[in-house]
Amino acid sequence: MARDRVVEGPLVDAIACAPLIGSGIELVKPENAEARARLEILIWEAGASALEVPGLAKWLWGSDETFEIMIRGPARGALRGRVLAARCLE
């Protein structure tokens, strides 16, 4: 249910449902590929518009594996990944 809300919901609702999918290990599972792709777009948009989502920050920083998947890993890659990591931190 959370995956569907991330994929199809409006920005605030969809991004708030991301932690309900699970930690970083859950995000990399094939069944969550579409949700992860949409989450990247949502984070990009939220960062660009300075939208604050405190629950998302708690989720990102609350688990080493989630931090690795969403911030540390992309920050070491191509420009797109580095920008996405920066938007997460915004």
PDB file of N, CA and C in Angstrom:
ATOM      1  N   MET A   1       0.822  -1.189   0.000  1.00  0.00           N
ATOM      2  CA  MET A   1       0.000   0.000   0.000  1.00  0.00           C
ATOM      3  C   MET A   1       0.875   1.266   0.000  1.00  0.00           C
ATOM      4  N   ALA A   2       1.917   1.264   0.840  1.00  0.00           N
ATOM      5  CA  ALA A   2       2.812   2.425   0.898  1.00  0.00           C
ATOM      6  C   ALA A   2       3.511   2.627  -0.436  1.00  0.00           C
ATOM      7  N   ARG A   3       3.919   1.527  -1.055  1.00  0.00           N
ATOM      8  CA  ARG A   3       4.593   1.605  -2.359  1.00  0.00           C
ATOM      9  C   ARG A   3       3.689   2.290  -3.376  1.00  0.00           C
ATOM     10  N   ASP A   4       2.409   1.922  -3.409  1.00  0.00           N
ATOM     11  CA  ASP A   4       1.464   2.522  -4.349  1.00  0.00           C
ATOM     12  C   ASP A   4       1.287   4.008  -4.085  1.00  0.00           C
ATOM     13  N   ARG A   5       1.294   4.405  -2.815  1.00  0.00           N
ATOM     14  CA  ARG A   5       1.145   5.827  -2.495  1.00  0.00           C
ATOM     15  C   ARG A   5       2.373   6.621  -2.915  1.00  0.00           C
ATOM     16  N   VAL A   6       3.556   6.017  -2.797  1.00  0.00           N
ATOM     17  CA  VAL A   6       4.774   6.698  -3.247  1.00  0.00           C
ATOM     18  C   VAL A   6       4.742   6.851  -4.766  1.00  0.00           C
ATOM     19  N   VAL A   7       4.298   5.827  -5.455  1.00  0.00           N
ATOM     20  CA  VAL A   7       4.283   5.841  -6.923  1.00  0.00           C
ATOM     21  C   VAL A   7       3.219   6.781  -7.472  1.00  0.00           C
ATOM     22  N   GLU A   8       2.051   6.825  -6.844  1.00  0.00           N
ATOM     23  CA  GLU A   8       0.922   7.542  -7.434  1.00  0.00           C
ATOM     24  C   GLU A   8       0.445   8.773  -6.673  1.00  0.00           C
ATOM     25  N   GLY A   9       0.877   8.944  -5.448  1.00  0.00           N
ATOM     26  CA  GLY A   9       0.338  10.021  -4.625  1.00  0.00           C
ATOM     27  C   GLY A   9       0.903  11.387  -4.947  1.00  0.00           C
ATOM     28  N   PRO A  10       0.254  12.431  -4.420  1.00  0.00           N
ATOM     29  CA  PRO A  10       0.785  13.787  -4.562  1.00  0.00           C
ATOM     30  C   PRO A  10       2.066  13.934  -3.737  1.00  0.00           C
ATOM     31  N   LEU A  11       2.836  14.931  -4.026  1.00  0.00           N
ATOM     32  CA  LEU A  11       4.178  15.115  -3.467  1.00  0.00           C
ATOM     33  C   LEU A  11       4.264  14.871  -1.959  1.00  0.00           C
ATOM     34  N   VAL A  12       3.541  15.629  -1.176  1.00  0.00           N
ATOM     35  CA  VAL A  12       3.679  15.547   0.282  1.00  0.00           C
ATOM     36  C   VAL A  12       3.264  14.176   0.799  1.00  0.00           C
ATOM     37  N   ASP A  13       2.149  13.663   0.325  1.00  0.00           N
ATOM     38  CA  ASP A  13       1.672  12.355   0.761  1.00  0.00           C
ATOM     39  C   ASP A  13       2.632  11.256   0.329  1.00  0.00           C
ATOM     40  N   ALA A  14       3.071  11.303  -0.902  1.00  0.00           N
ATOM     41  CA  ALA A  14       3.954  10.261  -1.436  1.00  0.00           C
ATOM     42  C   ALA A  14       5.283  10.236  -0.700  1.00  0.00           C
ATOM     43  N   ILE A  15       5.839  11.384  -0.467  1.00  0.00           N
ATOM     44  CA  ILE A  15       7.142  11.438   0.203  1.00  0.00           C
ATOM     45  C   ILE A  15       7.014  11.031   1.675  1.00  0.00           C
ATOM     46  N   ALA A  16       5.883  11.345   2.288  1.00  0.00           N
ATOM     47  CA  ALA A  16       5.653  10.947   3.681  1.00  0.00           C
ATOM     48  C   ALA A  16       5.480   9.431   3.818  1.00  0.00           C
ATOM     49  N   CYS A  17       5.076   8.773   2.754  1.00  0.00           N
ATOM     50  CA  CYS A  17       4.876   7.316   2.784  1.00  0.00           C
ATOM     51  C   CYS A  17       6.165   6.539   2.521  1.00  0.00           C
ATOM     52  N   ALA A  18       7.208   7.180   2.075  1.00  0.00           N
ATOM     53  CA  ALA A  18       8.466   6.488   1.775  1.00  0.00           C
ATOM     54  C   ALA A  18       8.991   5.669   2.953  1.00  0.00           C
ATOM     55  N   PRO A  19       9.007   6.206   4.171  1.00  0.00           N
ATOM     56  CA  PRO A  19       9.503   5.396   5.290  1.00  0.00           C
ATOM     57  C   PRO A  19       8.676   4.130   5.539  1.00  0.00           C
ATOM     58  N   LEU A  20       7.435   4.129   5.101  1.00  0.00           N
ATOM     59  CA  LEU A  20       6.585   2.952   5.307  1.00  0.00           C
ATOM     60  C   LEU A  20       6.978   1.782   4.413  1.00  0.00           C
ATOM     61  N   ILE A  21       7.738   2.054   3.360  1.00  0.00           N
ATOM     62  CA  ILE A  21       8.221   0.978   2.488  1.00  0.00           C
ATOM     63  C   ILE A  21       9.249   0.137   3.231  1.00  0.00           C
ATOM     64  N   GLY A  22      10.052   0.783   4.054  1.00  0.00           N
ATOM     65  CA  GLY A  22      11.068   0.083   4.821  1.00  0.00           C
ATOM     66  C   GLY A  22      12.418   0.758   4.681  1.00  0.00           C
ATOM     67  N   SER A  23      13.440   0.082   5.170  1.00  0.00           N
ATOM     68  CA  SER A  23      14.791   0.634   5.145  1.00  0.00           C
ATOM     69  C   SER A  23      15.426   0.461   3.769  1.00  0.00           C
ATOM     70  N   GLY A  24      16.685   0.807   3.671  1.00  0.00           N
ATOM     71  CA  GLY A  24      17.407   0.738   2.407  1.00  0.00           C
ATOM     72  C   GLY A  24      17.373  -0.622   1.749  1.00  0.00           C
ATOM     73  N   ILE A  25      17.417  -1.681   2.546  1.00  0.00           N
ATOM     74  CA  ILE A  25      17.372  -3.046   2.000  1.00  0.00           C
ATOM     75  C   ILE A  25      16.069  -3.266   1.238  1.00  0.00           C
ATOM     76  N   GLU A  26      14.979  -2.769   1.749  1.00  0.00           N
ATOM     77  CA  GLU A  26      13.682  -2.914   1.079  1.00  0.00           C
ATOM     78  C   GLU A  26      13.640  -2.101  -0.217  1.00  0.00           C
ATOM     79  N   LEU A  27      14.270  -0.937  -0.204  1.00  0.00           N
ATOM     80  CA  LEU A  27      14.244  -0.058  -1.375  1.00  0.00           C
ATOM     81  C   LEU A  27      14.908  -0.674  -2.599  1.00  0.00           C
ATOM     82  N   VAL A  28      15.931  -1.479  -2.389  1.00  0.00           N
ATOM     83  CA  VAL A  28      16.657  -2.028  -3.537  1.00  0.00           C
ATOM     84  C   VAL A  28      16.040  -3.310  -4.087  1.00  0.00           C
ATOM     85  N   LYS A  29      14.989  -3.802  -3.458  1.00  0.00           N
ATOM     86  CA  LYS A  29      14.314  -4.985  -3.979  1.00  0.00           C
ATOM     87  C   LYS A  29      13.634  -4.641  -5.303  1.00  0.00           C
ATOM     88  N   PRO A  30      13.605  -5.591  -6.241  1.00  0.00           N
ATOM     89  CA  PRO A  30      13.018  -5.331  -7.560  1.00  0.00           C
ATOM     90  C   PRO A  30      11.571  -4.827  -7.521  1.00  0.00           C
ATOM     91  N   GLU A  31      10.786  -5.300  -6.584  1.00  0.00           N
ATOM     92  CA  GLU A  31       9.385  -4.869  -6.521  1.00  0.00           C
ATOM     93  C   GLU A  31       9.239  -3.402  -6.102  1.00  0.00           C
ATOM     94  N   ASN A  32      10.310  -2.801  -5.594  1.00  0.00           N
ATOM     95  CA  ASN A  32      10.261  -1.394  -5.203  1.00  0.00           C
ATOM     96  C   ASN A  32      10.992  -0.473  -6.175  1.00  0.00           C
ATOM     97  N   ALA A  33      11.378  -0.982  -7.324  1.00  0.00           N
ATOM     98  CA  ALA A  33      12.128  -0.171  -8.295  1.00  0.00           C
ATOM     99  C   ALA A  33      11.340   1.059  -8.735  1.00  0.00           C
ATOM    100  N   GLU A  34      10.074   0.884  -9.028  1.00  0.00           N
ATOM    101  CA  GLU A  34       9.256   2.017  -9.478  1.00  0.00           C
ATOM    102  C   GLU A  34       9.088   3.041  -8.357  1.00  0.00           C
ATOM    103  N   ALA A  35       8.869   2.565  -7.137  1.00  0.00           N
ATOM    104  CA  ALA A  35       8.723   3.473  -5.999  1.00  0.00           C
ATOM    105  C   ALA A  35      10.019   4.231  -5.743  1.00  0.00           C
ATOM    106  N   ARG A  36      11.144   3.545  -5.864  1.00  0.00           N
ATOM    107  CA  ARG A  36      12.429   4.205  -5.645  1.00  0.00           C
ATOM    108  C   ARG A  36      12.675   5.271  -6.720  1.00  0.00           C
ATOM    109  N   ALA A  37      12.355   4.972  -7.953  1.00  0.00           N
ATOM    110  CA  ALA A  37      12.525   5.950  -9.030  1.00  0.00           C
ATOM    111  C   ALA A  37      11.654   7.180  -8.782  1.00  0.00           C
ATOM    112  N   ARG A  38      10.414   6.953  -8.381  1.00  0.00           N
ATOM    113  CA  ARG A  38       9.518   8.085  -8.101  1.00  0.00           C
ATOM    114  C   ARG A  38       9.999   8.845  -6.887  1.00  0.00           C
ATOM    115  N   LEU A  39      10.500   8.133  -5.886  1.00  0.00           N
ATOM    116  CA  LEU A  39      11.009   8.787  -4.687  1.00  0.00           C
ATOM    117  C   LEU A  39      12.169   9.713  -5.029  1.00  0.00           C
ATOM    118  N   GLU A  40      13.021   9.299  -5.933  1.00  0.00           N
ATOM    119  CA  GLU A  40      14.123  10.161  -6.355  1.00  0.00           C
ATOM    120  C   GLU A  40      13.604  11.449  -6.981  1.00  0.00           C
ATOM    121  N   ILE A  41      12.567  11.348  -7.801  1.00  0.00           N
ATOM    122  CA  ILE A  41      11.957  12.530  -8.417  1.00  0.00           C
ATOM    123  C   ILE A  41      11.314  13.411  -7.350  1.00  0.00           C
ATOM    124  N   LEU A  42      10.612  12.786  -6.408  1.00  0.00           N
ATOM    125  CA  LEU A  42       9.957  13.540  -5.342  1.00  0.00           C
ATOM    126  C   LEU A  42      10.969  14.276  -4.468  1.00  0.00           C
ATOM    127  N   ILE A  43      12.063  13.609  -4.153  1.00  0.00           N
ATOM    128  CA  ILE A  43      13.101  14.241  -3.331  1.00  0.00           C
ATOM    129  C   ILE A  43      13.728  15.409  -4.080  1.00  0.00           C
ATOM    130  N   TRP A  44      13.953  15.217  -5.361  1.00  0.00           N
ATOM    131  CA  TRP A  44      14.504  16.293  -6.195  1.00  0.00           C
ATOM    132  C   TRP A  44      13.573  17.510  -6.135  1.00  0.00           C
ATOM    133  N   GLU A  45      12.293  17.267  -6.331  1.00  0.00           N
ATOM    134  CA  GLU A  45      11.314  18.353  -6.320  1.00  0.00           C
ATOM    135  C   GLU A  45      11.186  18.984  -4.937  1.00  0.00           C
ATOM    136  N   ALA A  46      11.157  18.173  -3.897  1.00  0.00           N
ATOM    137  CA  ALA A  46      11.042  18.699  -2.532  1.00  0.00           C
ATOM    138  C   ALA A  46      12.253  19.552  -2.176  1.00  0.00           C
ATOM    139  N   GLY A  47      13.437  19.098  -2.550  1.00  0.00           N
ATOM    140  CA  GLY A  47      14.646  19.878  -2.285  1.00  0.00           C
ATOM    141  C   GLY A  47      14.659  21.182  -3.051  1.00  0.00           C
ATOM    142  N   ALA A  48      14.213  21.142  -4.287  1.00  0.00           N
ATOM    143  CA  ALA A  48      14.192  22.351  -5.117  1.00  0.00           C
ATOM    144  C   ALA A  48      13.205  23.385  -4.593  1.00  0.00           C
ATOM    145  N   SER A  49      12.130  22.919  -3.951  1.00  0.00           N
ATOM    146  CA  SER A  49      11.125  23.848  -3.441  1.00  0.00           C
ATOM    147  C   SER A  49      11.254  24.088  -1.942  1.00  0.00           C
ATOM    148  N   ALA A  50      12.345  23.600  -1.338  1.00  0.00           N
ATOM    149  CA  ALA A  50      12.623  23.778   0.092  1.00  0.00           C
ATOM    150  C   ALA A  50      11.494  23.238   0.967  1.00  0.00           C
ATOM    151  N   LEU A  51      10.899  22.148   0.553  1.00  0.00           N
ATOM    152  CA  LEU A  51       9.843  21.501   1.326  1.00  0.00           C
ATOM    153  C   LEU A  51      10.476  20.737   2.486  1.00  0.00           C
ATOM    154  N   GLU A  52       9.984  20.959   3.679  1.00  0.00           N
ATOM    155  CA  GLU A  52      10.499  20.257   4.848  1.00  0.00           C
ATOM    156  C   GLU A  52       9.619  19.058   5.153  1.00  0.00           C
ATOM    157  N   VAL A  53      10.246  17.905   5.283  1.00  0.00           N
ATOM    158  CA  VAL A  53       9.540  16.666   5.607  1.00  0.00           C
ATOM    159  C   VAL A  53      10.318  15.996   6.743  1.00  0.00           C
ATOM    160  N   PRO A  54      10.049  16.400   7.991  1.00  0.00           N
ATOM    161  CA  PRO A  54      10.821  15.894   9.123  1.00  0.00           C
ATOM    162  C   PRO A  54      10.832  14.364   9.228  1.00  0.00           C
ATOM    163  N   GLY A  55       9.742  13.709   8.924  1.00  0.00           N
ATOM    164  CA  GLY A  55       9.690  12.250   8.993  1.00  0.00           C
ATOM    165  C   GLY A  55      10.649  11.593   8.018  1.00  0.00           C
ATOM    166  N   LEU A  56      10.869  12.218   6.888  1.00  0.00           N
ATOM    167  CA  LEU A  56      11.791  11.682   5.892  1.00  0.00           C
ATOM    168  C   LEU A  56      13.230  11.778   6.399  1.00  0.00           C
ATOM    169  N   ALA A  57      13.562  12.873   7.038  1.00  0.00           N
ATOM    170  CA  ALA A  57      14.917  13.035   7.576  1.00  0.00           C
ATOM    171  C   ALA A  57      15.206  11.975   8.634  1.00  0.00           C
ATOM    172  N   LYS A  58      14.247  11.732   9.477  1.00  0.00           N
ATOM    173  CA  LYS A  58      14.405  10.717  10.514  1.00  0.00           C
ATOM    174  C   LYS A  58      14.645   9.340   9.891  1.00  0.00           C
ATOM    175  N   TRP A  59      13.949   9.054   8.804  1.00  0.00           N
ATOM    176  CA  TRP A  59      14.091   7.783   8.090  1.00  0.00           C
ATOM    177  C   TRP A  59      15.458   7.696   7.410  1.00  0.00           C
ATOM    178  N   LEU A  60      15.865   8.777   6.744  1.00  0.00           N
ATOM    179  CA  LEU A  60      17.153   8.780   6.039  1.00  0.00           C
ATOM    180  C   LEU A  60      18.328   8.616   6.992  1.00  0.00           C
ATOM    181  N   TRP A  61      18.290   9.273   8.121  1.00  0.00           N
ATOM    182  CA  TRP A  61      19.412   9.256   9.066  1.00  0.00           C
ATOM    183  C   TRP A  61      19.282   8.140  10.103  1.00  0.00           C
ATOM    184  N   GLY A  62      18.133   7.488  10.164  1.00  0.00           N
ATOM    185  CA  GLY A  62      17.893   6.490  11.198  1.00  0.00           C
ATOM    186  C   GLY A  62      18.476   5.119  10.920  1.00  0.00           C
ATOM    187  N   SER A  63      18.942   4.881   9.722  1.00  0.00           N
ATOM    188  CA  SER A  63      19.471   3.571   9.357  1.00  0.00           C
ATOM    189  C   SER A  63      20.684   3.751   8.454  1.00  0.00           C
ATOM    190  N   ASP A  64      21.758   3.045   8.777  1.00  0.00           N
ATOM    191  CA  ASP A  64      22.955   3.132   7.937  1.00  0.00           C
ATOM    192  C   ASP A  64      22.674   2.681   6.516  1.00  0.00           C
ATOM    193  N   GLU A  65      21.870   1.626   6.363  1.00  0.00           N
ATOM    194  CA  GLU A  65      21.602   1.111   5.016  1.00  0.00           C
ATOM    195  C   GLU A  65      20.741   2.069   4.203  1.00  0.00           C
ATOM    196  N   THR A  66      19.783   2.735   4.834  1.00  0.00           N
ATOM    197  CA  THR A  66      18.968   3.721   4.111  1.00  0.00           C
ATOM    198  C   THR A  66      19.835   4.907   3.704  1.00  0.00           C
ATOM    199  N   PHE A  67      20.689   5.368   4.622  1.00  0.00           N
ATOM    200  CA  PHE A  67      21.598   6.467   4.317  1.00  0.00           C
ATOM    201  C   PHE A  67      22.522   6.091   3.158  1.00  0.00           C
ATOM    202  N   GLU A  68      23.018   4.858   3.169  1.00  0.00           N
ATOM    203  CA  GLU A  68      23.909   4.381   2.106  1.00  0.00           C
ATOM    204  C   GLU A  68      23.200   4.372   0.752  1.00  0.00           C
ATOM    205  N   ILE A  69      21.988   3.853   0.706  1.00  0.00           N
ATOM    206  CA  ILE A  69      21.230   3.727  -0.542  1.00  0.00           C
ATOM    207  C   ILE A  69      20.787   5.088  -1.084  1.00  0.00           C
ATOM    208  N   MET A  70      20.347   5.966  -0.205  1.00  0.00           N
ATOM    209  CA  MET A  70      19.752   7.228  -0.656  1.00  0.00           C
ATOM    210  C   MET A  70      20.734   8.403  -0.721  1.00  0.00           C
ATOM    211  N   ILE A  71      21.825   8.370   0.059  1.00  0.00           N
ATOM    212  CA  ILE A  71      22.716   9.532   0.099  1.00  0.00           C
ATOM    213  C   ILE A  71      24.171   9.171  -0.212  1.00  0.00           C
ATOM    214  N   ARG A  72      24.791   8.351   0.606  1.00  0.00           N
ATOM    215  CA  ARG A  72      26.223   8.081   0.447  1.00  0.00           C
ATOM    216  C   ARG A  72      26.555   7.453  -0.907  1.00  0.00           C
ATOM    217  N   GLY A  73      25.809   6.430  -1.315  1.00  0.00           N
ATOM    218  CA  GLY A  73      26.069   5.775  -2.601  1.00  0.00           C
ATOM    219  C   GLY A  73      25.922   6.724  -3.782  1.00  0.00           C
ATOM    220  N   PRO A  74      24.766   7.392  -3.911  1.00  0.00           N
ATOM    221  CA  PRO A  74      24.597   8.331  -5.020  1.00  0.00           C
ATOM    222  C   PRO A  74      25.603   9.490  -5.000  1.00  0.00           C
ATOM    223  N   ALA A  75      26.016   9.921  -3.802  1.00  0.00           N
ATOM    224  CA  ALA A  75      26.964  11.037  -3.697  1.00  0.00           C
ATOM    225  C   ALA A  75      28.324  10.697  -4.280  1.00  0.00           C
ATOM    226  N   ARG A  76      28.628   9.426  -4.403  1.00  0.00           N
ATOM    227  CA  ARG A  76      29.921   8.996  -4.948  1.00  0.00           C
ATOM    228  C   ARG A  76      29.854   8.692  -6.436  1.00  0.00           C
ATOM    229  N   GLY A  77      28.692   8.881  -7.034  1.00  0.00           N
ATOM    230  CA  GLY A  77      28.520   8.513  -8.429  1.00  0.00           C
ATOM    231  C   GLY A  77      28.508   9.696  -9.370  1.00  0.00           C
ATOM    232  N   ALA A  78      27.691   9.573 -10.396  1.00  0.00           N
ATOM    233  CA  ALA A  78      27.569  10.592 -11.439  1.00  0.00           C
ATOM    234  C   ALA A  78      26.907  11.858 -10.893  1.00  0.00           C
ATOM    235  N   LEU A  79      26.928  12.885 -11.689  1.00  0.00           N
ATOM    236  CA  LEU A  79      26.372  14.178 -11.284  1.00  0.00           C
ATOM    237  C   LEU A  79      24.926  14.043 -10.814  1.00  0.00           C
ATOM    238  N   ARG A  80      24.120  13.280 -11.520  1.00  0.00           N
ATOM    239  CA  ARG A  80      22.717  13.089 -11.131  1.00  0.00           C
ATOM    240  C   ARG A  80      22.612  12.558  -9.706  1.00  0.00           C
ATOM    241  N   GLY A  81      23.412  11.573  -9.362  1.00  0.00           N
ATOM    242  CA  GLY A  81      23.403  11.000  -8.027  1.00  0.00           C
ATOM    243  C   GLY A  81      23.876  11.979  -6.978  1.00  0.00           C
ATOM    244  N   ARG A  82      24.880  12.764  -7.307  1.00  0.00           N
ATOM    245  CA  ARG A  82      25.388  13.754  -6.362  1.00  0.00           C
ATOM    246  C   ARG A  82      24.343  14.837  -6.082  1.00  0.00           C
ATOM    247  N   VAL A  83      23.629  15.237  -7.117  1.00  0.00           N
ATOM    248  CA  VAL A  83      22.571  16.235  -6.925  1.00  0.00           C
ATOM    249  C   VAL A  83      21.435  15.653  -6.099  1.00  0.00           C
ATOM    250  N   LEU A  84      21.076  14.406  -6.375  1.00  0.00           N
ATOM    251  CA  LEU A  84      20.019  13.745  -5.601  1.00  0.00           C
ATOM    252  C   LEU A  84      20.423  13.669  -4.120  1.00  0.00           C
ATOM    253  N   ALA A  85      21.654  13.301  -3.850  1.00  0.00           N
ATOM    254  CA  ALA A  85      22.140  13.241  -2.458  1.00  0.00           C
ATOM    255  C   ALA A  85      22.054  14.615  -1.810  1.00  0.00           C
ATOM    256  N   ALA A  86      22.430  15.641  -2.538  1.00  0.00           N
ATOM    257  CA  ALA A  86      22.358  16.996  -2.003  1.00  0.00           C
ATOM    258  C   ALA A  86      20.917  17.402  -1.724  1.00  0.00           C
ATOM    259  N   ARG A  87      19.999  17.026  -2.602  1.00  0.00           N
ATOM    260  CA  ARG A  87      18.575  17.337  -2.377  1.00  0.00           C
ATOM    261  C   ARG A  87      18.062  16.619  -1.142  1.00  0.00           C
ATOM    262  N   CYS A  88      18.504  15.398  -0.909  1.00  0.00           N
ATOM    263  CA  CYS A  88      18.111  14.658   0.297  1.00  0.00           C
ATOM    264  C   CYS A  88      18.564  15.417   1.539  1.00  0.00           C
ATOM    265  N   LEU A  89      19.757  15.949   1.482  1.00  0.00           N
ATOM    266  CA  LEU A  89      20.303  16.655   2.631  1.00  0.00           C
ATOM    267  C   LEU A  89      19.656  18.023   2.836  1.00  0.00           C
ATOM    268  N   GLU A  90      19.109  18.582   1.753  1.00  0.00           N
ATOM    269  CA  GLU A  90      18.427  19.877   1.884  1.00  0.00           C
ATOM    270  C   GLU A  90      17.193  19.705   2.715  1.00  0.00           C
TER     271      GLU A  90
END
